[in-house]
């Protein structure tokens, strides 16, 4: 009985990781990531425009810093999404062979 429950405990993480990688390389996941990337790039452009306008109109420093922080955060999210897309494409390539 003890051995059977031990096998179940050890088998569960392996099964879950298999399902998560199967979903990670799917074309639906890839399309969703690409859509999210476009949305984040649009948000980055809006934040850059806001930063440009605030600098141009000599806004207070705290406003400019907040805009710069938003731009930095947008860039980091875009980097993460691009890494996710690269990982999904690698998974798809590995599955073909």
PDB file of N, CA and C in Angstrom:
ATOM      1  N   UNK A   1       0.826  -1.192   0.000  1.00  0.00           N
ATOM      2  CA  UNK A   1       0.000   0.000   0.000  1.00  0.00           C
ATOM      3  C   UNK A   1       0.871   1.258   0.000  1.00  0.00           C
ATOM      4  N   UNK A   2       1.901   1.242   0.794  1.00  0.00           N
ATOM      5  CA  UNK A   2       2.791   2.398   0.902  1.00  0.00           C
ATOM      6  C   UNK A   2       3.509   2.656  -0.422  1.00  0.00           C
ATOM      7  N   UNK A   3       3.943   1.594  -1.051  1.00  0.00           N
ATOM      8  CA  UNK A   3       4.662   1.725  -2.312  1.00  0.00           C
ATOM      9  C   UNK A   3       3.739   2.278  -3.404  1.00  0.00           C
ATOM     10  N   UNK A   4       2.499   1.871  -3.410  1.00  0.00           N
ATOM     11  CA  UNK A   4       1.531   2.335  -4.400  1.00  0.00           C
ATOM     12  C   UNK A   4       1.290   3.836  -4.255  1.00  0.00           C
ATOM     13  N   UNK A   5       1.135   4.301  -3.039  1.00  0.00           N
ATOM     14  CA  UNK A   5       0.920   5.735  -2.821  1.00  0.00           C
ATOM     15  C   UNK A   5       2.184   6.538  -3.161  1.00  0.00           C
ATOM     16  N   UNK A   6       3.342   5.942  -2.916  1.00  0.00           N
ATOM     17  CA  UNK A   6       4.587   6.623  -3.275  1.00  0.00           C
ATOM     18  C   UNK A   6       4.688   6.786  -4.784  1.00  0.00           C
ATOM     19  N   UNK A   7       4.313   5.760  -5.544  1.00  0.00           N
ATOM     20  CA  UNK A   7       4.335   5.858  -7.002  1.00  0.00           C
ATOM     21  C   UNK A   7       3.376   6.941  -7.487  1.00  0.00           C
ATOM     22  N   UNK A   8       2.216   7.030  -6.870  1.00  0.00           N
ATOM     23  CA  UNK A   8       1.251   8.062  -7.256  1.00  0.00           C
ATOM     24  C   UNK A   8       1.797   9.462  -6.981  1.00  0.00           C
ATOM     25  N   UNK A   9       2.449   9.612  -5.859  1.00  0.00           N
ATOM     26  CA  UNK A   9       3.015  10.918  -5.504  1.00  0.00           C
ATOM     27  C   UNK A   9       4.118  11.303  -6.483  1.00  0.00           C
ATOM     28  N   UNK A  10       4.929  10.339  -6.884  1.00  0.00           N
ATOM     29  CA  UNK A  10       6.013  10.629  -7.818  1.00  0.00           C
ATOM     30  C   UNK A  10       5.520  10.793  -9.259  1.00  0.00           C
ATOM     31  N   UNK A  11       4.442  10.135  -9.610  1.00  0.00           N
ATOM     32  CA  UNK A  11       3.943  10.183 -10.982  1.00  0.00           C
ATOM     33  C   UNK A  11       3.167  11.473 -11.269  1.00  0.00           C
ATOM     34  N   UNK A  12       2.550  12.049 -10.276  1.00  0.00           N
ATOM     35  CA  UNK A  12       1.712  13.234 -10.487  1.00  0.00           C
ATOM     36  C   UNK A  12       2.494  14.421 -11.063  1.00  0.00           C
ATOM     37  N   UNK A  13       3.636  14.811 -10.506  1.00  0.00           N
ATOM     38  CA  UNK A  13       4.367  15.949 -11.100  1.00  0.00           C
ATOM     39  C   UNK A  13       4.838  15.674 -12.529  1.00  0.00           C
ATOM     40  N   UNK A  14       5.210  14.436 -12.819  1.00  0.00           N
ATOM     41  CA  UNK A  14       5.640  14.113 -14.176  1.00  0.00           C
ATOM     42  C   UNK A  14       4.489  14.255 -15.167  1.00  0.00           C
ATOM     43  N   UNK A  15       3.325  13.800 -14.778  1.00  0.00           N
ATOM     44  CA  UNK A  15       2.164  13.908 -15.663  1.00  0.00           C
ATOM     45  C   UNK A  15       1.783  15.367 -15.868  1.00  0.00           C
ATOM     46  N   UNK A  16       1.808  16.147 -14.814  1.00  0.00           N
ATOM     47  CA  UNK A  16       1.439  17.560 -14.936  1.00  0.00           C
ATOM     48  C   UNK A  16       2.444  18.323 -15.783  1.00  0.00           C
ATOM     49  N   UNK A  17       3.720  18.029 -15.666  1.00  0.00           N
ATOM     50  CA  UNK A  17       4.706  18.731 -16.481  1.00  0.00           C
ATOM     51  C   UNK A  17       4.562  18.361 -17.953  1.00  0.00           C
ATOM     52  N   UNK A  18       4.152  17.134 -18.237  1.00  0.00           N
ATOM     53  CA  UNK A  18       3.931  16.718 -19.623  1.00  0.00           C
ATOM     54  C   UNK A  18       2.776  17.501 -20.228  1.00  0.00           C
ATOM     55  N   UNK A  19       1.705  17.664 -19.473  1.00  0.00           N
ATOM     56  CA  UNK A  19       0.564  18.414 -19.991  1.00  0.00           C
ATOM     57  C   UNK A  19       0.893  19.885 -20.175  1.00  0.00           C
ATOM     58  N   UNK A  20       1.684  20.444 -19.293  1.00  0.00           N
ATOM     59  CA  UNK A  20       2.004  21.864 -19.410  1.00  0.00           C
ATOM     60  C   UNK A  20       2.901  22.130 -20.615  1.00  0.00           C
ATOM     61  N   UNK A  21       3.830  21.220 -20.929  1.00  0.00           N
ATOM     62  CA  UNK A  21       4.654  21.438 -22.115  1.00  0.00           C
ATOM     63  C   UNK A  21       3.851  21.197 -23.379  1.00  0.00           C
ATOM     64  N   UNK A  22       2.860  20.327 -23.316  1.00  0.00           N
ATOM     65  CA  UNK A  22       2.019  20.104 -24.491  1.00  0.00           C
ATOM     66  C   UNK A  22       1.224  21.360 -24.806  1.00  0.00           C
ATOM     67  N   UNK A  23       0.800  22.065 -23.799  1.00  0.00           N
ATOM     68  CA  UNK A  23       0.035  23.282 -24.019  1.00  0.00           C
ATOM     69  C   UNK A  23       0.950  24.438 -24.375  1.00  0.00           C
ATOM     70  N   UNK A  24       2.168  24.414 -23.886  1.00  0.00           N
ATOM     71  CA  UNK A  24       3.081  25.530 -24.096  1.00  0.00           C
ATOM     72  C   UNK A  24       3.461  25.685 -25.560  1.00  0.00           C
ATOM     73  N   UNK A  25       3.554  24.614 -26.309  1.00  0.00           N
ATOM     74  CA  UNK A  25       3.964  24.714 -27.698  1.00  0.00           C
ATOM     75  C   UNK A  25       2.816  24.753 -28.684  1.00  0.00           C
ATOM     76  N   UNK A  26       1.590  24.827 -28.199  1.00  0.00           N
ATOM     77  CA  UNK A  26       0.449  24.777 -29.105  1.00  0.00           C
ATOM     78  C   UNK A  26       0.359  26.048 -29.934  1.00  0.00           C
ATOM     79  N   UNK A  27      -0.266  25.939 -31.072  1.00  0.00           N
ATOM     80  CA  UNK A  27      -0.395  27.099 -31.955  1.00  0.00           C
ATOM     81  C   UNK A  27      -1.329  28.139 -31.343  1.00  0.00           C
ATOM     82  N   UNK A  28      -2.315  27.710 -30.574  1.00  0.00           N
ATOM     83  CA  UNK A  28      -3.213  28.666 -29.920  1.00  0.00           C
ATOM     84  C   UNK A  28      -2.448  29.495 -28.887  1.00  0.00           C
ATOM     85  N   UNK A  29      -1.556  28.835 -28.157  1.00  0.00           N
ATOM     86  CA  UNK A  29      -0.750  29.547 -27.167  1.00  0.00           C
ATOM     87  C   UNK A  29       0.205  30.511 -27.851  1.00  0.00           C
ATOM     88  N   UNK A  30       0.763  30.094 -28.964  1.00  0.00           N
ATOM     89  CA  UNK A  30       1.673  30.953 -29.719  1.00  0.00           C
ATOM     90  C   UNK A  30       0.942  32.178 -30.251  1.00  0.00           C
ATOM     91  N   UNK A  31      -0.249  31.976 -30.789  1.00  0.00           N
ATOM     92  CA  UNK A  31      -1.045  33.116 -31.291  1.00  0.00           C
ATOM     93  C   UNK A  31      -1.428  34.051 -30.161  1.00  0.00           C
ATOM     94  N   UNK A  32      -1.783  33.494 -29.022  1.00  0.00           N
ATOM     95  CA  UNK A  32      -2.152  34.338 -27.878  1.00  0.00           C
ATOM     96  C   UNK A  32      -0.955  35.160 -27.407  1.00  0.00           C
ATOM     97  N   UNK A  33       0.227  34.544 -27.406  1.00  0.00           N
ATOM     98  CA  UNK A  33       1.435  35.279 -27.017  1.00  0.00           C
ATOM     99  C   UNK A  33       1.757  36.389 -28.010  1.00  0.00           C
ATOM    100  N   UNK A  34       1.584  36.103 -29.308  1.00  0.00           N
ATOM    101  CA  UNK A  34       1.852  37.129 -30.315  1.00  0.00           C
ATOM    102  C   UNK A  34       0.863  38.287 -30.204  1.00  0.00           C
ATOM    103  N   UNK A  35      -0.386  37.962 -29.904  1.00  0.00           N
ATOM    104  CA  UNK A  35      -1.382  39.014 -29.695  1.00  0.00           C
ATOM    105  C   UNK A  35      -1.028  39.851 -28.470  1.00  0.00           C
ATOM    106  N   UNK A  36      -0.640  39.176 -27.392  1.00  0.00           N
ATOM    107  CA  UNK A  36      -0.228  39.894 -26.185  1.00  0.00           C
ATOM    108  C   UNK A  36       0.990  40.764 -26.440  1.00  0.00           C
ATOM    109  N   UNK A  37       1.912  40.282 -27.285  1.00  0.00           N
ATOM    110  CA  UNK A  37       3.098  41.057 -27.635  1.00  0.00           C
ATOM    111  C   UNK A  37       2.700  42.332 -28.381  1.00  0.00           C
ATOM    112  N   UNK A  38       1.796  42.217 -29.347  1.00  0.00           N
ATOM    113  CA  UNK A  38       1.340  43.411 -30.071  1.00  0.00           C
ATOM    114  C   UNK A  38       0.677  44.411 -29.135  1.00  0.00           C
ATOM    115  N   UNK A  39      -0.138  43.915 -28.213  1.00  0.00           N
ATOM    116  CA  UNK A  39      -0.795  44.814 -27.258  1.00  0.00           C
ATOM    117  C   UNK A  39       0.221  45.519 -26.376  1.00  0.00           C
ATOM    118  N   UNK A  40       1.219  44.782 -25.911  1.00  0.00           N
ATOM    119  CA  UNK A  40       2.248  45.395 -25.060  1.00  0.00           C
ATOM    120  C   UNK A  40       3.092  46.395 -25.845  1.00  0.00           C
ATOM    121  N   UNK A  41       3.371  46.091 -27.117  1.00  0.00           N
ATOM    122  CA  UNK A  41       4.128  47.041 -27.939  1.00  0.00           C
ATOM    123  C   UNK A  41       3.332  48.323 -28.150  1.00  0.00           C
ATOM    124  N   UNK A  42       2.022  48.196 -28.336  1.00  0.00           N
ATOM    125  CA  UNK A  42       1.177  49.392 -28.460  1.00  0.00           C
ATOM    126  C   UNK A  42       1.173  50.195 -27.163  1.00  0.00           C
ATOM    127  N   UNK A  43       1.102  49.494 -26.043  1.00  0.00           N
ATOM    128  CA  UNK A  43       1.140  50.177 -24.748  1.00  0.00           C
ATOM    129  C   UNK A  43       2.472  50.884 -24.551  1.00  0.00           C
ATOM    130  N   UNK A  44       3.562  50.238 -24.952  1.00  0.00           N
ATOM    131  CA  UNK A  44       4.877  50.862 -24.857  1.00  0.00           C
ATOM    132  C   UNK A  44       4.934  52.134 -25.693  1.00  0.00           C
ATOM    133  N   UNK A  45       4.378  52.085 -26.892  1.00  0.00           N
ATOM    134  CA  UNK A  45       4.377  53.278 -27.739  1.00  0.00           C
ATOM    135  C   UNK A  45       3.570  54.405 -27.108  1.00  0.00           C
ATOM    136  N   UNK A  46       2.414  54.077 -26.522  1.00  0.00           N
ATOM    137  CA  UNK A  46       1.613  55.112 -25.835  1.00  0.00           C
ATOM    138  C   UNK A  46       2.378  55.705 -24.662  1.00  0.00           C
ATOM    139  N   UNK A  47       3.067  54.854 -23.893  1.00  0.00           N
ATOM    140  CA  UNK A  47       3.836  55.355 -22.749  1.00  0.00           C
ATOM    141  C   UNK A  47       5.026  56.188 -23.193  1.00  0.00           C
ATOM    142  N   UNK A  48       5.654  55.808 -24.285  1.00  0.00           N
ATOM    143  CA  UNK A  48       6.754  56.626 -24.820  1.00  0.00           C
ATOM    144  C   UNK A  48       6.247  57.986 -25.279  1.00  0.00           C
ATOM    145  N   UNK A  49       5.096  57.989 -25.932  1.00  0.00           N
ATOM    146  CA  UNK A  49       4.511  59.262 -26.374  1.00  0.00           C
ATOM    147  C   UNK A  49       4.195  60.152 -25.177  1.00  0.00           C
ATOM    148  N   UNK A  50       3.640  59.553 -24.132  1.00  0.00           N
ATOM    149  CA  UNK A  50       3.316  60.320 -22.927  1.00  0.00           C
ATOM    150  C   UNK A  50       4.588  60.893 -22.303  1.00  0.00           C
ATOM    151  N   UNK A  51       5.642  60.096 -22.255  1.00  0.00           N
ATOM    152  CA  UNK A  51       6.921  60.567 -21.720  1.00  0.00           C
ATOM    153  C   UNK A  51       7.469  61.720 -22.560  1.00  0.00           C
ATOM    154  N   UNK A  52       7.390  61.590 -23.869  1.00  0.00           N
ATOM    155  CA  UNK A  52       7.867  62.653 -24.765  1.00  0.00           C
ATOM    156  C   UNK A  52       7.088  63.943 -24.531  1.00  0.00           C
ATOM    157  N   UNK A  53       5.777  63.837 -24.421  1.00  0.00           N
ATOM    158  CA  UNK A  53       4.938  65.027 -24.211  1.00  0.00           C
ATOM    159  C   UNK A  53       5.248  65.660 -22.854  1.00  0.00           C
ATOM    160  N   UNK A  54       5.401  64.820 -21.820  1.00  0.00           N
ATOM    161  CA  UNK A  54       5.691  65.366 -20.488  1.00  0.00           C
ATOM    162  C   UNK A  54       7.045  66.070 -20.463  1.00  0.00           C
ATOM    163  N   UNK A  55       8.024  65.500 -21.130  1.00  0.00           N
ATOM    164  CA  UNK A  55       9.331  66.170 -21.191  1.00  0.00           C
ATOM    165  C   UNK A  55       9.233  67.473 -21.977  1.00  0.00           C
ATOM    166  N   UNK A  56       8.497  67.431 -23.049  1.00  0.00           N
ATOM    167  CA  UNK A  56       8.347  68.605 -23.912  1.00  0.00           C
ATOM    168  C   UNK A  56       7.644  69.747 -23.179  1.00  0.00           C
ATOM    169  N   UNK A  57       6.671  69.396 -22.339  1.00  0.00           N
ATOM    170  CA  UNK A  57       5.900  70.407 -21.612  1.00  0.00           C
ATOM    171  C   UNK A  57       6.460  70.684 -20.223  1.00  0.00           C
ATOM    172  N   UNK A  58       7.651  70.176 -19.964  1.00  0.00           N
ATOM    173  CA  UNK A  58       8.353  70.416 -18.701  1.00  0.00           C
ATOM    174  C   UNK A  58       7.494  70.055 -17.480  1.00  0.00           C
ATOM    175  N   UNK A  59       7.035  68.820 -17.503  1.00  0.00           N
ATOM    176  CA  UNK A  59       6.246  68.314 -16.377  1.00  0.00           C
ATOM    177  C   UNK A  59       7.159  68.129 -15.171  1.00  0.00           C
ATOM    178  N   UNK A  60       6.585  68.026 -13.980  1.00  0.00           N
ATOM    179  CA  UNK A  60       7.403  67.797 -12.778  1.00  0.00           C
ATOM    180  C   UNK A  60       8.194  66.491 -12.880  1.00  0.00           C
ATOM    181  N   UNK A  61       9.273  66.438 -12.122  1.00  0.00           N
ATOM    182  CA  UNK A  61      10.157  65.272 -12.181  1.00  0.00           C
ATOM    183  C   UNK A  61       9.462  63.977 -11.813  1.00  0.00           C
ATOM    184  N   UNK A  62       8.579  64.022 -10.817  1.00  0.00           N
ATOM    185  CA  UNK A  62       7.921  62.786 -10.392  1.00  0.00           C
ATOM    186  C   UNK A  62       7.033  62.222 -11.505  1.00  0.00           C
ATOM    187  N   UNK A  63       6.481  63.088 -12.343  1.00  0.00           N
ATOM    188  CA  UNK A  63       5.656  62.618 -13.463  1.00  0.00           C
ATOM    189  C   UNK A  63       6.551  61.956 -14.515  1.00  0.00           C
ATOM    190  N   UNK A  64       7.676  62.594 -14.797  1.00  0.00           N
ATOM    191  CA  UNK A  64       8.606  62.039 -15.784  1.00  0.00           C
ATOM    192  C   UNK A  64       9.176  60.710 -15.286  1.00  0.00           C
ATOM    193  N   UNK A  65       9.510  60.637 -14.002  1.00  0.00           N
ATOM    194  CA  UNK A  65      10.026  59.374 -13.443  1.00  0.00           C
ATOM    195  C   UNK A  65       8.989  58.262 -13.522  1.00  0.00           C
ATOM    196  N   UNK A  66       7.736  58.614 -13.251  1.00  0.00           N
ATOM    197  CA  UNK A  66       6.671  57.615 -13.340  1.00  0.00           C
ATOM    198  C   UNK A  66       6.522  57.121 -14.781  1.00  0.00           C
ATOM    199  N   UNK A  67       6.622  58.052 -15.731  1.00  0.00           N
ATOM    200  CA  UNK A  67       6.544  57.650 -17.138  1.00  0.00           C
ATOM    201  C   UNK A  67       7.721  56.761 -17.521  1.00  0.00           C
ATOM    202  N   UNK A  68       8.913  57.109 -17.046  1.00  0.00           N
ATOM    203  CA  UNK A  68      10.085  56.288 -17.342  1.00  0.00           C
ATOM    204  C   UNK A  68       9.944  54.895 -16.735  1.00  0.00           C
ATOM    205  N   UNK A  69       9.391  54.825 -15.522  1.00  0.00           N
ATOM    206  CA  UNK A  69       9.174  53.520 -14.882  1.00  0.00           C
ATOM    207  C   UNK A  69       8.190  52.674 -15.685  1.00  0.00           C
ATOM    208  N   UNK A  70       7.128  53.325 -16.201  1.00  0.00           N
ATOM    209  CA  UNK A  70       6.163  52.591 -17.023  1.00  0.00           C
ATOM    210  C   UNK A  70       6.817  52.055 -18.293  1.00  0.00           C
ATOM    211  N   UNK A  71       7.665  52.864 -18.919  1.00  0.00           N
ATOM    212  CA  UNK A  71       8.356  52.427 -20.134  1.00  0.00           C
ATOM    213  C   UNK A  71       9.278  51.251 -19.819  1.00  0.00           C
ATOM    214  N   UNK A  72      10.000  51.336 -18.701  1.00  0.00           N
ATOM    215  CA  UNK A  72      10.878  50.229 -18.302  1.00  0.00           C
ATOM    216  C   UNK A  72      10.085  48.952 -18.044  1.00  0.00           C
ATOM    217  N   UNK A  73       8.959  49.095 -17.367  1.00  0.00           N
ATOM    218  CA  UNK A  73       8.118  47.928 -17.074  1.00  0.00           C
ATOM    219  C   UNK A  73       7.564  47.324 -18.370  1.00  0.00           C
ATOM    220  N   UNK A  74       7.164  48.186 -19.299  1.00  0.00           N
ATOM    221  CA  UNK A  74       6.668  47.691 -20.586  1.00  0.00           C
ATOM    222  C   UNK A  74       7.750  46.917 -21.322  1.00  0.00           C
ATOM    223  N   UNK A  75       8.960  47.440 -21.317  1.00  0.00           N
ATOM    224  CA  UNK A  75      10.063  46.755 -21.999  1.00  0.00           C
ATOM    225  C   UNK A  75      10.338  45.394 -21.371  1.00  0.00           C
ATOM    226  N   UNK A  76      10.301  45.327 -20.052  1.00  0.00           N
ATOM    227  CA  UNK A  76      10.572  44.036 -19.397  1.00  0.00           C
ATOM    228  C   UNK A  76       9.463  43.029 -19.698  1.00  0.00           C
ATOM    229  N   UNK A  77       8.202  43.490 -19.744  1.00  0.00           N
ATOM    230  CA  UNK A  77       7.109  42.576 -20.109  1.00  0.00           C
ATOM    231  C   UNK A  77       7.269  42.086 -21.544  1.00  0.00           C
ATOM    232  N   UNK A  78       7.681  42.982 -22.436  1.00  0.00           N
ATOM    233  CA  UNK A  78       7.888  42.586 -23.833  1.00  0.00           C
ATOM    234  C   UNK A  78       9.013  41.575 -23.941  1.00  0.00           C
ATOM    235  N   UNK A  79      10.098  41.777 -23.187  1.00  0.00           N
ATOM    236  CA  UNK A  79      11.191  40.798 -23.193  1.00  0.00           C
ATOM    237  C   UNK A  79      10.707  39.434 -22.721  1.00  0.00           C
ATOM    238  N   UNK A  80       9.888  39.420 -21.680  1.00  0.00           N
ATOM    239  CA  UNK A  80       9.376  38.147 -21.153  1.00  0.00           C
ATOM    240  C   UNK A  80       8.470  37.461 -22.176  1.00  0.00           C
ATOM    241  N   UNK A  81       7.631  38.228 -22.850  1.00  0.00           N
ATOM    242  CA  UNK A  81       6.740  37.643 -23.845  1.00  0.00           C
ATOM    243  C   UNK A  81       7.540  37.094 -25.020  1.00  0.00           C
ATOM    244  N   UNK A  82       8.560  37.840 -25.456  1.00  0.00           N
ATOM    245  CA  UNK A  82       9.397  37.356 -26.557  1.00  0.00           C
ATOM    246  C   UNK A  82      10.119  36.071 -26.174  1.00  0.00           C
ATOM    247  N   UNK A  83      10.583  35.993 -24.936  1.00  0.00           N
ATOM    248  CA  UNK A  83      11.233  34.763 -24.471  1.00  0.00           C
ATOM    249  C   UNK A  83      10.244  33.608 -24.469  1.00  0.00           C
ATOM    250  N   UNK A  84       9.008  33.880 -24.081  1.00  0.00           N
ATOM    251  CA  UNK A  84       7.970  32.856 -24.071  1.00  0.00           C
ATOM    252  C   UNK A  84       7.679  32.381 -25.494  1.00  0.00           C
ATOM    253  N   UNK A  85       7.629  33.305 -26.442  1.00  0.00           N
ATOM    254  CA  UNK A  85       7.385  32.943 -27.835  1.00  0.00           C
ATOM    255  C   UNK A  85       8.544  32.099 -28.370  1.00  0.00           C
ATOM    256  N   UNK A  86       9.779  32.502 -28.055  1.00  0.00           N
ATOM    257  CA  UNK A  86      10.934  31.706 -28.490  1.00  0.00           C
ATOM    258  C   UNK A  86      10.875  30.299 -27.920  1.00  0.00           C
ATOM    259  N   UNK A  87      10.521  30.188 -26.643  1.00  0.00           N
ATOM    260  CA  UNK A  87      10.419  28.872 -26.002  1.00  0.00           C
ATOM    261  C   UNK A  87       9.338  28.021 -26.668  1.00  0.00           C
ATOM    262  N   UNK A  88       8.183  28.642 -26.967  1.00  0.00           N
ATOM    263  CA  UNK A  88       7.108  27.900 -27.629  1.00  0.00           C
ATOM    264  C   UNK A  88       7.531  27.412 -29.008  1.00  0.00           C
ATOM    265  N   UNK A  89       8.243  28.253 -29.743  1.00  0.00           N
ATOM    266  CA  UNK A  89       8.693  27.846 -31.082  1.00  0.00           C
ATOM    267  C   UNK A  89       9.721  26.724 -30.997  1.00  0.00           C
ATOM    268  N   UNK A  90      10.595  26.771 -29.995  1.00  0.00           N
ATOM    269  CA  UNK A  90      11.563  25.685 -29.819  1.00  0.00           C
ATOM    270  C   UNK A  90      10.863  24.377 -29.487  1.00  0.00           C
ATOM    271  N   UNK A  91       9.848  24.457 -28.651  1.00  0.00           N
ATOM    272  CA  UNK A  91       9.086  23.252 -28.294  1.00  0.00           C
ATOM    273  C   UNK A  91       8.409  22.679 -29.533  1.00  0.00           C
ATOM    274  N   UNK A  92       7.847  23.552 -30.362  1.00  0.00           N
ATOM    275  CA  UNK A  92       7.188  23.075 -31.588  1.00  0.00           C
ATOM    276  C   UNK A  92       8.190  22.432 -32.536  1.00  0.00           C
ATOM    277  N   UNK A  93       9.373  23.031 -32.664  1.00  0.00           N
ATOM    278  CA  UNK A  93      10.397  22.457 -33.546  1.00  0.00           C
ATOM    279  C   UNK A  93      10.845  21.080 -33.052  1.00  0.00           C
ATOM    280  N   UNK A  94      11.008  20.947 -31.740  1.00  0.00           N
ATOM    281  CA  UNK A  94      11.442  19.664 -31.171  1.00  0.00           C
ATOM    282  C   UNK A  94      10.390  18.585 -31.387  1.00  0.00           C
ATOM    283  N   UNK A  95       9.123  18.973 -31.349  1.00  0.00           N
ATOM    284  CA  UNK A  95       8.061  17.984 -31.506  1.00  0.00           C
ATOM    285  C   UNK A  95       7.965  17.445 -32.928  1.00  0.00           C
ATOM    286  N   UNK A  96       8.366  18.250 -33.895  1.00  0.00           N
ATOM    287  CA  UNK A  96       8.261  17.811 -35.286  1.00  0.00           C
ATOM    288  C   UNK A  96       9.210  16.665 -35.589  1.00  0.00           C
ATOM    289  N   UNK A  97      10.327  16.616 -34.921  1.00  0.00           N
ATOM    290  CA  UNK A  97      11.339  15.589 -35.236  1.00  0.00           C
ATOM    291  C   UNK A  97      11.219  14.402 -34.369  1.00  0.00           C
TER     292      UNK A  97
END
